[in-house]
Amino acid sequence: MSSIAILCNGTFPRKAYPLYLLSSADTVVCCDGAAVKYRKHFGKWPDVIVGDMDSLPEAFRKQYSGTVVKEEEQDYNDLTKAMRYVFEHYPEAEEIHILGATGMREDHTVGNLGLLMEYTRMFPADGRKVDMVSDYGTAFAVTDSCELHLGEGRKVSIFSADNSLRIVSEGLQWQTSGVVFDAWWKATLNRSTAPVVKLSFSHPSAALVIVD
């Protein structure tokens, strides 16, 4: 199973699981200055660096010019540029793990988490696993009714930008069928009460799930 790790320039992970995803990935793609953090921790350079290069020191840009993919357009952030690069150049990748995408700046954290839902439209996964992992949890997007094998006792929060969406749940402490997704907090701070959580969507739509 081939895996890609995309490292953003937020808080560098410290816990075992995100570090494992980063160290065991077949290919590591860093967003701009995140390459410096990767080199400092692992003592080597990533496979690819993507971004507008506003946070990567010029000395590194010259030394590792063969791995730098400069994207100057500002319509999308460096994470989205890295995702675009991965989907174009690694179509065989079965897992894409995004790390370092949260922390340090609240606006980047909120924006990057929201992008996971947007990526279901921009980059159809075709069965590939795409998630965002930090020291505090794992986030991923779903687009229709599904079964989530989370395990019992996990913290679960659900977000959606579609206020017409209704989600009937099984295996959560608090039922979500009456939730109207017109505010971010509406389906947060729940807990799994069964090994498998079932979500039944009223219609196909993007929702963000965060588990811890």
N, C-alpha and C. Protein backbone atom coordinates (compact mmCIF):
# COMPACT_ATOMS: atom_id res chain seq x y z
N MET A 1 0.85 -1.19 0.00
CA MET A 1 0.00 0.00 0.00
C MET A 1 0.88 1.24 0.00
N SER A 2 0.76 2.07 -1.03
CA SER A 2 1.59 3.26 -1.13
C SER A 2 0.94 4.42 -0.39
N SER A 3 1.75 5.21 0.29
CA SER A 3 1.23 6.32 1.08
C SER A 3 2.05 7.58 0.82
N ILE A 4 1.35 8.71 0.88
CA ILE A 4 1.97 10.02 0.74
C ILE A 4 1.74 10.80 2.02
N ALA A 5 2.76 11.44 2.53
CA ALA A 5 2.61 12.36 3.66
C ALA A 5 2.83 13.77 3.15
N ILE A 6 1.86 14.64 3.42
CA ILE A 6 2.00 16.06 3.11
C ILE A 6 2.22 16.78 4.43
N LEU A 7 3.35 17.43 4.57
CA LEU A 7 3.66 18.14 5.81
C LEU A 7 3.49 19.64 5.60
N CYS A 8 2.59 20.24 6.40
CA CYS A 8 2.36 21.68 6.36
C CYS A 8 3.24 22.37 7.40
N ASN A 9 3.23 23.68 7.36
CA ASN A 9 4.14 24.46 8.20
C ASN A 9 3.49 24.92 9.50
N GLY A 10 2.55 24.12 10.03
CA GLY A 10 1.96 24.40 11.32
C GLY A 10 2.75 23.73 12.43
N THR A 11 2.06 23.27 13.45
CA THR A 11 2.74 22.62 14.58
C THR A 11 3.26 21.26 14.16
N PHE A 12 4.55 21.05 14.32
CA PHE A 12 5.16 19.77 13.95
C PHE A 12 4.71 18.70 14.95
N PRO A 13 4.30 17.53 14.47
CA PRO A 13 3.79 16.49 15.39
C PRO A 13 4.87 15.98 16.34
N ARG A 14 4.40 15.56 17.52
CA ARG A 14 5.30 15.00 18.53
C ARG A 14 4.91 13.59 18.93
N LYS A 15 3.64 13.26 18.77
CA LYS A 15 3.16 11.95 19.23
C LYS A 15 3.50 10.86 18.22
N ALA A 16 3.45 9.62 18.71
CA ALA A 16 3.95 8.49 17.93
C ALA A 16 3.19 8.27 16.62
N TYR A 17 1.86 8.35 16.65
CA TYR A 17 1.10 8.00 15.44
C TYR A 17 1.36 8.96 14.28
N PRO A 18 1.22 10.28 14.45
CA PRO A 18 1.52 11.14 13.30
C PRO A 18 2.98 11.07 12.87
N LEU A 19 3.90 10.89 13.81
CA LEU A 19 5.30 10.75 13.43
C LEU A 19 5.53 9.46 12.65
N TYR A 20 4.81 8.41 13.01
CA TYR A 20 4.91 7.16 12.26
C TYR A 20 4.43 7.35 10.82
N LEU A 21 3.29 8.04 10.65
CA LEU A 21 2.78 8.29 9.30
C LEU A 21 3.79 9.06 8.47
N LEU A 22 4.47 9.99 9.10
CA LEU A 22 5.44 10.83 8.40
C LEU A 22 6.71 10.04 8.07
N SER A 23 7.17 9.24 9.00
CA SER A 23 8.44 8.52 8.81
C SER A 23 8.28 7.30 7.89
N SER A 24 7.08 6.73 7.83
CA SER A 24 6.87 5.51 7.05
C SER A 24 6.30 5.78 5.66
N ALA A 25 6.00 7.02 5.33
CA ALA A 25 5.41 7.34 4.03
C ALA A 25 6.37 7.00 2.89
N ASP A 26 5.82 6.54 1.79
CA ASP A 26 6.65 6.25 0.62
C ASP A 26 7.19 7.52 -0.01
N THR A 27 6.41 8.60 0.09
CA THR A 27 6.82 9.90 -0.45
C THR A 27 6.41 10.99 0.52
N VAL A 28 7.29 11.94 0.78
CA VAL A 28 7.00 13.07 1.65
C VAL A 28 7.01 14.35 0.82
N VAL A 29 5.89 15.07 0.86
CA VAL A 29 5.76 16.35 0.17
C VAL A 29 5.60 17.44 1.23
N CYS A 30 6.49 18.40 1.23
CA CYS A 30 6.43 19.48 2.22
C CYS A 30 5.88 20.75 1.59
N CYS A 31 5.09 21.45 2.37
CA CYS A 31 4.59 22.76 1.95
C CYS A 31 5.60 23.83 2.36
N ASP A 32 6.34 24.30 1.37
CA ASP A 32 7.23 25.45 1.56
C ASP A 32 8.18 25.25 2.76
N GLY A 33 8.11 26.14 3.76
CA GLY A 33 9.05 26.12 4.88
C GLY A 33 8.94 24.92 5.79
N ALA A 34 7.92 24.10 5.64
CA ALA A 34 7.82 22.87 6.45
C ALA A 34 8.99 21.94 6.17
N ALA A 35 9.63 22.11 5.02
CA ALA A 35 10.78 21.28 4.69
C ALA A 35 11.91 21.46 5.70
N VAL A 36 12.05 22.67 6.24
CA VAL A 36 13.09 22.93 7.23
C VAL A 36 12.82 22.14 8.50
N LYS A 37 11.56 22.10 8.93
CA LYS A 37 11.19 21.33 10.11
C LYS A 37 11.41 19.84 9.89
N TYR A 38 11.06 19.38 8.71
CA TYR A 38 11.24 17.96 8.38
C TYR A 38 12.72 17.59 8.43
N ARG A 39 13.55 18.43 7.84
CA ARG A 39 14.99 18.16 7.83
C ARG A 39 15.57 18.18 9.25
N LYS A 40 15.10 19.12 10.06
CA LYS A 40 15.60 19.23 11.42
C LYS A 40 15.26 17.99 12.23
N HIS A 41 14.07 17.44 12.03
CA HIS A 41 13.64 16.28 12.83
C HIS A 41 14.23 14.97 12.30
N PHE A 42 14.24 14.79 10.99
CA PHE A 42 14.63 13.49 10.41
C PHE A 42 16.04 13.50 9.83
N GLY A 43 16.67 14.66 9.73
CA GLY A 43 18.03 14.71 9.22
C GLY A 43 18.15 14.48 7.74
N LYS A 44 17.07 14.64 7.00
CA LYS A 44 17.11 14.47 5.54
C LYS A 44 16.11 15.41 4.90
N TRP A 45 16.20 15.51 3.58
CA TRP A 45 15.34 16.42 2.83
C TRP A 45 14.12 15.67 2.31
N PRO A 46 12.96 16.32 2.21
CA PRO A 46 11.78 15.64 1.67
C PRO A 46 11.93 15.35 0.18
N ASP A 47 11.01 14.56 -0.35
CA ASP A 47 11.07 14.22 -1.77
C ASP A 47 10.69 15.40 -2.65
N VAL A 48 9.71 16.19 -2.21
CA VAL A 48 9.21 17.31 -3.00
C VAL A 48 8.85 18.45 -2.05
N ILE A 49 9.09 19.69 -2.51
CA ILE A 49 8.65 20.89 -1.77
C ILE A 49 7.77 21.69 -2.71
N VAL A 50 6.55 21.98 -2.28
CA VAL A 50 5.58 22.68 -3.12
C VAL A 50 5.11 23.95 -2.40
N GLY A 51 4.98 25.05 -3.14
CA GLY A 51 4.45 26.27 -2.54
C GLY A 51 4.95 27.50 -3.26
N ASP A 52 4.62 28.65 -2.70
CA ASP A 52 5.07 29.91 -3.31
C ASP A 52 6.48 30.30 -2.85
N MET A 53 7.03 29.52 -1.94
CA MET A 53 8.41 29.68 -1.46
C MET A 53 8.62 30.97 -0.69
N ASP A 54 7.57 31.41 0.02
CA ASP A 54 7.73 32.63 0.82
C ASP A 54 8.30 32.34 2.20
N SER A 55 8.35 31.06 2.60
CA SER A 55 8.88 30.74 3.93
C SER A 55 10.06 29.77 3.88
N LEU A 56 10.52 29.41 2.70
CA LEU A 56 11.69 28.54 2.57
C LEU A 56 12.92 29.40 2.33
N PRO A 57 13.92 29.33 3.21
CA PRO A 57 15.12 30.16 3.05
C PRO A 57 15.75 29.99 1.67
N GLU A 58 16.25 31.09 1.14
CA GLU A 58 16.82 31.08 -0.21
C GLU A 58 17.96 30.09 -0.34
N ALA A 59 18.76 29.94 0.72
CA ALA A 59 19.89 29.00 0.66
C ALA A 59 19.41 27.58 0.40
N PHE A 60 18.30 27.20 1.04
CA PHE A 60 17.75 25.87 0.83
C PHE A 60 17.14 25.73 -0.56
N ARG A 61 16.51 26.81 -1.03
CA ARG A 61 15.91 26.77 -2.38
C ARG A 61 16.98 26.48 -3.43
N LYS A 62 18.15 27.09 -3.25
CA LYS A 62 19.23 26.87 -4.21
C LYS A 62 19.86 25.49 -4.04
N GLN A 63 20.07 25.09 -2.79
CA GLN A 63 20.75 23.82 -2.53
C GLN A 63 19.91 22.63 -2.99
N TYR A 64 18.60 22.73 -2.82
CA TYR A 64 17.72 21.60 -3.15
C TYR A 64 16.75 21.99 -4.27
N SER A 65 17.25 22.72 -5.24
CA SER A 65 16.40 23.23 -6.32
C SER A 65 15.72 22.12 -7.10
N GLY A 66 16.34 20.94 -7.13
CA GLY A 66 15.77 19.82 -7.88
C GLY A 66 14.49 19.27 -7.27
N THR A 67 14.22 19.60 -6.02
CA THR A 67 13.01 19.09 -5.36
C THR A 67 11.94 20.17 -5.20
N VAL A 68 12.25 21.40 -5.60
CA VAL A 68 11.35 22.53 -5.38
C VAL A 68 10.40 22.70 -6.56
N VAL A 69 9.11 22.77 -6.25
CA VAL A 69 8.08 23.06 -7.25
C VAL A 69 7.42 24.38 -6.84
N LYS A 70 7.81 25.45 -7.50
CA LYS A 70 7.32 26.78 -7.11
C LYS A 70 5.99 27.06 -7.79
N GLU A 71 4.98 27.36 -6.98
CA GLU A 71 3.64 27.70 -7.46
C GLU A 71 3.32 29.11 -6.95
N GLU A 72 3.42 30.10 -7.81
CA GLU A 72 3.31 31.48 -7.36
C GLU A 72 1.87 31.98 -7.26
N GLU A 73 0.93 31.31 -7.93
CA GLU A 73 -0.45 31.80 -7.90
C GLU A 73 -0.98 31.78 -6.47
N GLN A 74 -1.84 32.74 -6.15
CA GLN A 74 -2.32 32.92 -4.78
C GLN A 74 -3.82 32.61 -4.63
N ASP A 75 -4.40 31.96 -5.63
CA ASP A 75 -5.80 31.58 -5.51
C ASP A 75 -6.00 30.46 -4.49
N TYR A 76 -4.95 29.65 -4.30
CA TYR A 76 -5.03 28.52 -3.37
C TYR A 76 -3.83 28.56 -2.44
N ASN A 77 -3.99 27.97 -1.25
CA ASN A 77 -2.88 27.94 -0.29
C ASN A 77 -1.92 26.81 -0.63
N ASP A 78 -0.81 26.76 0.11
CA ASP A 78 0.23 25.78 -0.21
C ASP A 78 -0.24 24.34 -0.02
N LEU A 79 -1.12 24.09 0.95
CA LEU A 79 -1.65 22.74 1.13
C LEU A 79 -2.41 22.30 -0.12
N THR A 80 -3.25 23.16 -0.64
CA THR A 80 -4.02 22.80 -1.84
C THR A 80 -3.10 22.60 -3.03
N LYS A 81 -2.05 23.40 -3.13
CA LYS A 81 -1.07 23.22 -4.21
C LYS A 81 -0.37 21.87 -4.06
N ALA A 82 -0.07 21.48 -2.83
CA ALA A 82 0.56 20.18 -2.60
C ALA A 82 -0.40 19.04 -2.93
N MET A 83 -1.67 19.18 -2.55
CA MET A 83 -2.67 18.17 -2.90
C MET A 83 -2.79 18.04 -4.42
N ARG A 84 -2.83 19.15 -5.10
CA ARG A 84 -2.93 19.13 -6.56
C ARG A 84 -1.73 18.41 -7.17
N TYR A 85 -0.54 18.69 -6.63
CA TYR A 85 0.67 18.04 -7.12
C TYR A 85 0.61 16.53 -6.90
N VAL A 86 0.18 16.12 -5.71
CA VAL A 86 0.11 14.69 -5.39
C VAL A 86 -0.87 13.97 -6.30
N PHE A 87 -2.06 14.54 -6.51
CA PHE A 87 -3.04 13.88 -7.35
C PHE A 87 -2.61 13.82 -8.81
N GLU A 88 -1.80 14.79 -9.24
CA GLU A 88 -1.31 14.78 -10.63
C GLU A 88 -0.16 13.81 -10.82
N HIS A 89 0.74 13.72 -9.82
CA HIS A 89 1.98 12.97 -10.01
C HIS A 89 2.01 11.62 -9.31
N TYR A 90 1.09 11.36 -8.39
CA TYR A 90 1.06 10.08 -7.68
C TYR A 90 -0.35 9.50 -7.70
N PRO A 91 -0.89 9.22 -8.89
CA PRO A 91 -2.25 8.70 -8.96
C PRO A 91 -2.40 7.32 -8.33
N GLU A 92 -1.28 6.63 -8.13
CA GLU A 92 -1.34 5.29 -7.55
C GLU A 92 -1.39 5.31 -6.02
N ALA A 93 -1.19 6.47 -5.41
CA ALA A 93 -1.15 6.55 -3.94
C ALA A 93 -2.50 6.14 -3.35
N GLU A 94 -2.47 5.25 -2.39
CA GLU A 94 -3.70 4.76 -1.78
C GLU A 94 -4.06 5.52 -0.51
N GLU A 95 -3.07 6.14 0.13
CA GLU A 95 -3.32 6.90 1.35
C GLU A 95 -2.58 8.24 1.27
N ILE A 96 -3.27 9.30 1.64
CA ILE A 96 -2.66 10.63 1.71
C ILE A 96 -2.91 11.17 3.11
N HIS A 97 -1.85 11.33 3.88
CA HIS A 97 -1.95 11.82 5.25
C HIS A 97 -1.39 13.24 5.31
N ILE A 98 -2.21 14.16 5.79
CA ILE A 98 -1.81 15.56 5.91
C ILE A 98 -1.43 15.82 7.36
N LEU A 99 -0.23 16.31 7.58
CA LEU A 99 0.29 16.53 8.92
C LEU A 99 0.75 17.98 9.07
N GLY A 100 0.81 18.48 10.30
CA GLY A 100 1.27 19.84 10.53
C GLY A 100 0.35 20.90 9.97
N ALA A 101 -0.92 20.56 9.77
CA ALA A 101 -1.86 21.50 9.16
C ALA A 101 -2.62 22.33 10.19
N THR A 102 -2.41 22.06 11.46
CA THR A 102 -3.10 22.78 12.52
C THR A 102 -2.09 23.37 13.50
N GLY A 103 -2.59 24.19 14.43
CA GLY A 103 -1.71 24.80 15.42
C GLY A 103 -1.06 26.07 14.91
N MET A 104 -0.50 26.82 15.82
CA MET A 104 0.25 28.05 15.56
C MET A 104 -0.65 29.22 15.13
N ARG A 105 -1.52 28.99 14.14
CA ARG A 105 -2.44 30.04 13.70
C ARG A 105 -3.84 29.47 13.60
N GLU A 106 -4.80 30.09 14.31
CA GLU A 106 -6.16 29.60 14.29
C GLU A 106 -6.78 29.70 12.91
N ASP A 107 -6.46 30.76 12.15
CA ASP A 107 -7.07 30.91 10.83
C ASP A 107 -6.62 29.80 9.89
N HIS A 108 -5.33 29.43 9.94
CA HIS A 108 -4.86 28.32 9.12
C HIS A 108 -5.53 27.01 9.56
N THR A 109 -5.67 26.80 10.85
CA THR A 109 -6.29 25.57 11.35
C THR A 109 -7.71 25.43 10.83
N VAL A 110 -8.52 26.47 11.02
CA VAL A 110 -9.91 26.42 10.57
C VAL A 110 -9.98 26.27 9.06
N GLY A 111 -9.17 27.04 8.34
CA GLY A 111 -9.18 26.97 6.89
C GLY A 111 -8.79 25.60 6.36
N ASN A 112 -7.74 25.01 6.92
CA ASN A 112 -7.28 23.71 6.45
C ASN A 112 -8.28 22.60 6.75
N LEU A 113 -8.89 22.64 7.92
CA LEU A 113 -9.91 21.64 8.24
C LEU A 113 -11.10 21.78 7.28
N GLY A 114 -11.49 23.00 7.00
CA GLY A 114 -12.58 23.21 6.05
C GLY A 114 -12.23 22.72 4.65
N LEU A 115 -10.96 22.81 4.28
CA LEU A 115 -10.54 22.37 2.96
C LEU A 115 -10.73 20.87 2.76
N LEU A 116 -10.70 20.09 3.83
CA LEU A 116 -10.91 18.65 3.67
C LEU A 116 -12.26 18.36 3.02
N MET A 117 -13.29 19.11 3.39
CA MET A 117 -14.59 18.94 2.73
C MET A 117 -14.53 19.41 1.29
N GLU A 118 -13.83 20.51 1.04
CA GLU A 118 -13.72 21.03 -0.31
C GLU A 118 -12.95 20.07 -1.21
N TYR A 119 -11.97 19.35 -0.65
CA TYR A 119 -11.17 18.44 -1.45
C TYR A 119 -11.98 17.27 -2.00
N THR A 120 -13.10 16.92 -1.36
CA THR A 120 -13.93 15.85 -1.91
C THR A 120 -14.49 16.26 -3.27
N ARG A 121 -14.64 17.55 -3.50
CA ARG A 121 -15.10 18.05 -4.80
C ARG A 121 -13.93 18.29 -5.75
N MET A 122 -12.85 18.84 -5.23
CA MET A 122 -11.71 19.20 -6.07
C MET A 122 -10.90 17.99 -6.50
N PHE A 123 -10.76 17.01 -5.60
CA PHE A 123 -9.91 15.85 -5.86
C PHE A 123 -10.68 14.58 -5.53
N PRO A 124 -11.53 14.09 -6.42
CA PRO A 124 -12.26 12.84 -6.15
C PRO A 124 -11.30 11.73 -5.74
N ALA A 125 -11.55 11.14 -4.59
CA ALA A 125 -10.57 10.22 -4.00
C ALA A 125 -10.51 8.87 -4.70
N ASP A 126 -11.61 8.45 -5.33
CA ASP A 126 -11.64 7.15 -6.02
C ASP A 126 -11.15 6.02 -5.11
N GLY A 127 -11.60 6.03 -3.88
CA GLY A 127 -11.22 4.97 -2.95
C GLY A 127 -9.98 5.26 -2.14
N ARG A 128 -9.27 6.33 -2.46
CA ARG A 128 -8.08 6.68 -1.67
C ARG A 128 -8.47 7.27 -0.32
N LYS A 129 -7.65 7.00 0.66
CA LYS A 129 -7.87 7.53 1.99
C LYS A 129 -7.15 8.86 2.13
N VAL A 130 -7.89 9.90 2.51
CA VAL A 130 -7.30 11.22 2.74
C VAL A 130 -7.70 11.67 4.13
N ASP A 131 -6.72 11.96 4.97
CA ASP A 131 -7.05 12.45 6.31
C ASP A 131 -6.03 13.48 6.76
N MET A 132 -6.37 14.15 7.86
CA MET A 132 -5.52 15.18 8.45
C MET A 132 -5.29 14.77 9.90
N VAL A 133 -4.04 14.53 10.24
CA VAL A 133 -3.70 13.95 11.54
C VAL A 133 -2.82 14.91 12.33
N SER A 134 -3.15 15.09 13.60
CA SER A 134 -2.32 15.90 14.50
C SER A 134 -2.12 15.12 15.79
N ASP A 135 -1.45 15.75 16.75
CA ASP A 135 -1.28 15.12 18.06
C ASP A 135 -2.60 14.98 18.81
N TYR A 136 -3.64 15.63 18.35
CA TYR A 136 -4.89 15.69 19.10
C TYR A 136 -6.06 14.99 18.43
N GLY A 137 -5.85 14.44 17.25
CA GLY A 137 -6.95 13.73 16.61
C GLY A 137 -6.75 13.57 15.11
N THR A 138 -7.75 12.94 14.50
CA THR A 138 -7.75 12.69 13.06
C THR A 138 -9.02 13.24 12.45
N ALA A 139 -8.89 13.96 11.35
CA ALA A 139 -10.03 14.54 10.65
C ALA A 139 -10.09 13.97 9.24
N PHE A 140 -11.32 13.72 8.77
CA PHE A 140 -11.51 13.23 7.41
C PHE A 140 -12.91 13.63 6.95
N ALA A 141 -13.11 13.63 5.65
CA ALA A 141 -14.40 14.02 5.10
C ALA A 141 -15.14 12.79 4.57
N VAL A 142 -16.46 12.80 4.72
CA VAL A 142 -17.32 11.78 4.12
C VAL A 142 -18.36 12.51 3.29
N THR A 143 -18.88 11.84 2.28
CA THR A 143 -19.80 12.51 1.35
C THR A 143 -21.15 11.82 1.22
N ASP A 144 -21.36 10.73 1.95
CA ASP A 144 -22.65 10.03 1.88
C ASP A 144 -22.74 9.06 3.05
N SER A 145 -23.83 8.35 3.15
CA SER A 145 -24.04 7.38 4.23
C SER A 145 -22.86 6.42 4.30
N CYS A 146 -22.44 6.09 5.53
CA CYS A 146 -21.24 5.29 5.68
C CYS A 146 -21.20 4.62 7.05
N GLU A 147 -20.29 3.67 7.19
CA GLU A 147 -19.98 3.04 8.47
C GLU A 147 -18.55 3.40 8.84
N LEU A 148 -18.36 3.91 10.05
CA LEU A 148 -17.05 4.30 10.53
C LEU A 148 -16.61 3.35 11.63
N HIS A 149 -15.54 2.62 11.39
CA HIS A 149 -15.02 1.66 12.36
C HIS A 149 -14.05 2.40 13.28
N LEU A 150 -14.60 3.05 14.28
CA LEU A 150 -13.83 3.93 15.16
C LEU A 150 -13.42 3.26 16.46
N GLY A 151 -14.20 2.28 16.89
CA GLY A 151 -13.99 1.72 18.22
C GLY A 151 -14.86 2.44 19.23
N GLU A 152 -15.16 1.76 20.30
CA GLU A 152 -16.04 2.33 21.34
C GLU A 152 -15.30 3.33 22.21
N GLY A 153 -15.98 4.39 22.60
CA GLY A 153 -15.41 5.36 23.53
C GLY A 153 -14.59 6.45 22.88
N ARG A 154 -14.66 6.60 21.56
CA ARG A 154 -13.91 7.66 20.88
C ARG A 154 -14.70 8.96 20.91
N LYS A 155 -14.00 10.07 21.02
CA LYS A 155 -14.62 11.39 20.90
C LYS A 155 -14.88 11.65 19.42
N VAL A 156 -16.08 12.11 19.10
CA VAL A 156 -16.49 12.29 17.71
C VAL A 156 -17.19 13.63 17.54
N SER A 157 -16.78 14.41 16.56
CA SER A 157 -17.47 15.65 16.20
C SER A 157 -17.73 15.64 14.70
N ILE A 158 -18.89 16.19 14.30
CA ILE A 158 -19.28 16.22 12.90
C ILE A 158 -19.60 17.67 12.51
N PHE A 159 -19.10 18.09 11.36
CA PHE A 159 -19.34 19.44 10.85
C PHE A 159 -19.82 19.35 9.41
N SER A 160 -20.63 20.30 9.00
CA SER A 160 -21.03 20.40 7.60
C SER A 160 -21.39 21.84 7.29
N ALA A 161 -21.14 22.23 6.04
CA ALA A 161 -21.53 23.56 5.59
C ALA A 161 -22.89 23.55 4.90
N ASP A 162 -23.55 22.38 4.88
CA ASP A 162 -24.83 22.21 4.19
C ASP A 162 -25.95 22.17 5.23
N ASN A 163 -26.66 23.27 5.40
CA ASN A 163 -27.70 23.29 6.43
C ASN A 163 -28.98 22.57 6.03
N SER A 164 -29.01 22.01 4.81
CA SER A 164 -30.14 21.17 4.42
C SER A 164 -29.87 19.69 4.69
N LEU A 165 -28.65 19.37 5.06
CA LEU A 165 -28.27 17.99 5.32
C LEU A 165 -28.81 17.52 6.67
N ARG A 166 -29.32 16.30 6.70
CA ARG A 166 -29.71 15.64 7.94
C ARG A 166 -28.95 14.33 8.03
N ILE A 167 -28.43 14.04 9.20
CA ILE A 167 -27.66 12.81 9.40
C ILE A 167 -28.26 12.02 10.56
N VAL A 168 -28.75 10.82 10.27
CA VAL A 168 -29.24 9.92 11.31
C VAL A 168 -28.07 9.03 11.71
N SER A 169 -27.79 8.96 13.00
CA SER A 169 -26.62 8.22 13.47
C SER A 169 -27.00 7.02 14.32
N GLU A 170 -26.16 6.02 14.28
CA GLU A 170 -26.22 4.86 15.18
C GLU A 170 -24.84 4.67 15.78
N GLY A 171 -24.79 4.39 17.07
CA GLY A 171 -23.51 4.17 17.71
C GLY A 171 -22.88 5.40 18.31
N LEU A 172 -23.64 6.50 18.40
CA LEU A 172 -23.18 7.70 19.08
C LEU A 172 -24.02 7.95 20.33
N GLN A 173 -23.41 8.55 21.33
CA GLN A 173 -24.12 8.78 22.58
C GLN A 173 -25.32 9.70 22.40
N TRP A 174 -25.16 10.71 21.53
CA TRP A 174 -26.25 11.64 21.28
C TRP A 174 -26.63 11.58 19.80
N GLN A 175 -27.90 11.30 19.54
CA GLN A 175 -28.41 11.17 18.19
C GLN A 175 -28.27 12.49 17.43
N THR A 176 -27.93 12.39 16.16
CA THR A 176 -27.72 13.58 15.33
C THR A 176 -28.88 13.86 14.38
N SER A 177 -29.94 13.07 14.43
CA SER A 177 -31.01 13.20 13.43
C SER A 177 -31.70 14.55 13.48
N GLY A 178 -31.70 15.21 14.64
CA GLY A 178 -32.37 16.50 14.73
C GLY A 178 -31.46 17.68 14.53
N VAL A 179 -30.20 17.42 14.20
CA VAL A 179 -29.24 18.51 14.07
C VAL A 179 -29.41 19.25 12.74
N VAL A 180 -29.52 20.55 12.82
CA VAL A 180 -29.48 21.41 11.63
C VAL A 180 -28.08 22.04 11.59
N PHE A 181 -27.35 21.81 10.51
CA PHE A 181 -25.96 22.25 10.44
C PHE A 181 -25.88 23.72 10.03
N ASP A 182 -26.37 24.58 10.92
CA ASP A 182 -26.31 26.01 10.66
C ASP A 182 -25.36 26.73 11.62
N ALA A 183 -24.64 25.97 12.41
CA ALA A 183 -23.60 26.52 13.29
C ALA A 183 -22.56 25.42 13.52
N TRP A 184 -21.30 25.80 13.70
CA TRP A 184 -20.23 24.81 13.75
C TRP A 184 -20.35 23.85 14.93
N TRP A 185 -20.92 24.30 16.04
CA TRP A 185 -20.89 23.49 17.26
C TRP A 185 -21.97 22.44 17.31
N LYS A 186 -22.91 22.44 16.38
CA LYS A 186 -24.16 21.70 16.51
C LYS A 186 -23.98 20.19 16.74
N ALA A 187 -23.01 19.55 16.13
CA ALA A 187 -22.85 18.09 16.27
C ALA A 187 -21.45 17.75 16.79
N THR A 188 -20.95 18.59 17.68
CA THR A 188 -19.61 18.36 18.23
C THR A 188 -19.70 17.69 19.60
N LEU A 189 -18.55 17.25 20.09
CA LEU A 189 -18.39 16.72 21.45
C LEU A 189 -19.27 15.52 21.72
N ASN A 190 -19.41 14.66 20.72
CA ASN A 190 -20.14 13.41 20.88
C ASN A 190 -19.16 12.30 21.24
N ARG A 191 -19.67 11.09 21.40
CA ARG A 191 -18.82 9.95 21.78
C ARG A 191 -19.40 8.68 21.19
N SER A 192 -18.53 7.81 20.68
CA SER A 192 -18.99 6.54 20.13
C SER A 192 -19.33 5.57 21.26
N THR A 193 -20.45 4.88 21.11
CA THR A 193 -20.90 3.90 22.11
C THR A 193 -20.88 2.49 21.56
N ALA A 194 -20.36 2.33 20.36
CA ALA A 194 -20.27 1.03 19.70
C ALA A 194 -19.01 1.01 18.85
N PRO A 195 -18.51 -0.17 18.50
CA PRO A 195 -17.31 -0.24 17.67
C PRO A 195 -17.48 0.41 16.30
N VAL A 196 -18.70 0.35 15.76
CA VAL A 196 -18.98 0.91 14.44
C VAL A 196 -20.04 1.99 14.56
N VAL A 197 -19.76 3.16 14.02
CA VAL A 197 -20.72 4.26 13.99
C VAL A 197 -21.30 4.33 12.57
N LYS A 198 -22.63 4.33 12.49
CA LYS A 198 -23.31 4.40 11.20
C LYS A 198 -23.91 5.79 11.02
N LEU A 199 -23.64 6.39 9.88
CA LEU A 199 -24.19 7.70 9.54
C LEU A 199 -25.03 7.55 8.27
N SER A 200 -26.30 7.94 8.35
CA SER A 200 -27.19 7.87 7.20
C SER A 200 -27.52 9.29 6.74
N PHE A 201 -27.06 9.67 5.54
CA PHE A 201 -27.23 11.02 5.02
C PHE A 201 -28.57 11.15 4.31
N SER A 202 -29.21 12.29 4.44
CA SER A 202 -30.45 12.56 3.71
C SER A 202 -30.19 12.72 2.22
N HIS A 203 -28.98 13.14 1.87
CA HIS A 203 -28.57 13.26 0.47
C HIS A 203 -27.04 13.40 0.44
N PRO A 204 -26.41 13.08 -0.68
CA PRO A 204 -24.96 13.21 -0.76
C PRO A 204 -24.51 14.64 -0.49
N SER A 205 -23.57 14.80 0.40
CA SER A 205 -23.05 16.11 0.77
C SER A 205 -21.77 15.91 1.58
N ALA A 206 -20.92 16.90 1.61
CA ALA A 206 -19.66 16.77 2.33
C ALA A 206 -19.84 17.08 3.81
N ALA A 207 -19.28 16.22 4.66
CA ALA A 207 -19.26 16.44 6.10
C ALA A 207 -17.87 16.14 6.62
N LEU A 208 -17.47 16.86 7.62
CA LEU A 208 -16.16 16.67 8.24
C LEU A 208 -16.33 15.93 9.56
N VAL A 209 -15.55 14.87 9.74
CA VAL A 209 -15.58 14.09 10.98
C VAL A 209 -14.23 14.24 11.66
N ILE A 210 -14.23 14.57 12.94
CA ILE A 210 -12.99 14.65 13.72
C ILE A 210 -13.11 13.68 14.88
N VAL A 211 -12.14 12.79 15.02
CA VAL A 211 -12.16 11.79 16.09
C VAL A 211 -10.89 11.89 16.90
N ASP A 212 -10.99 11.48 18.16
CA ASP A 212 -9.83 11.48 19.05
C ASP A 212 -9.90 10.24 19.92
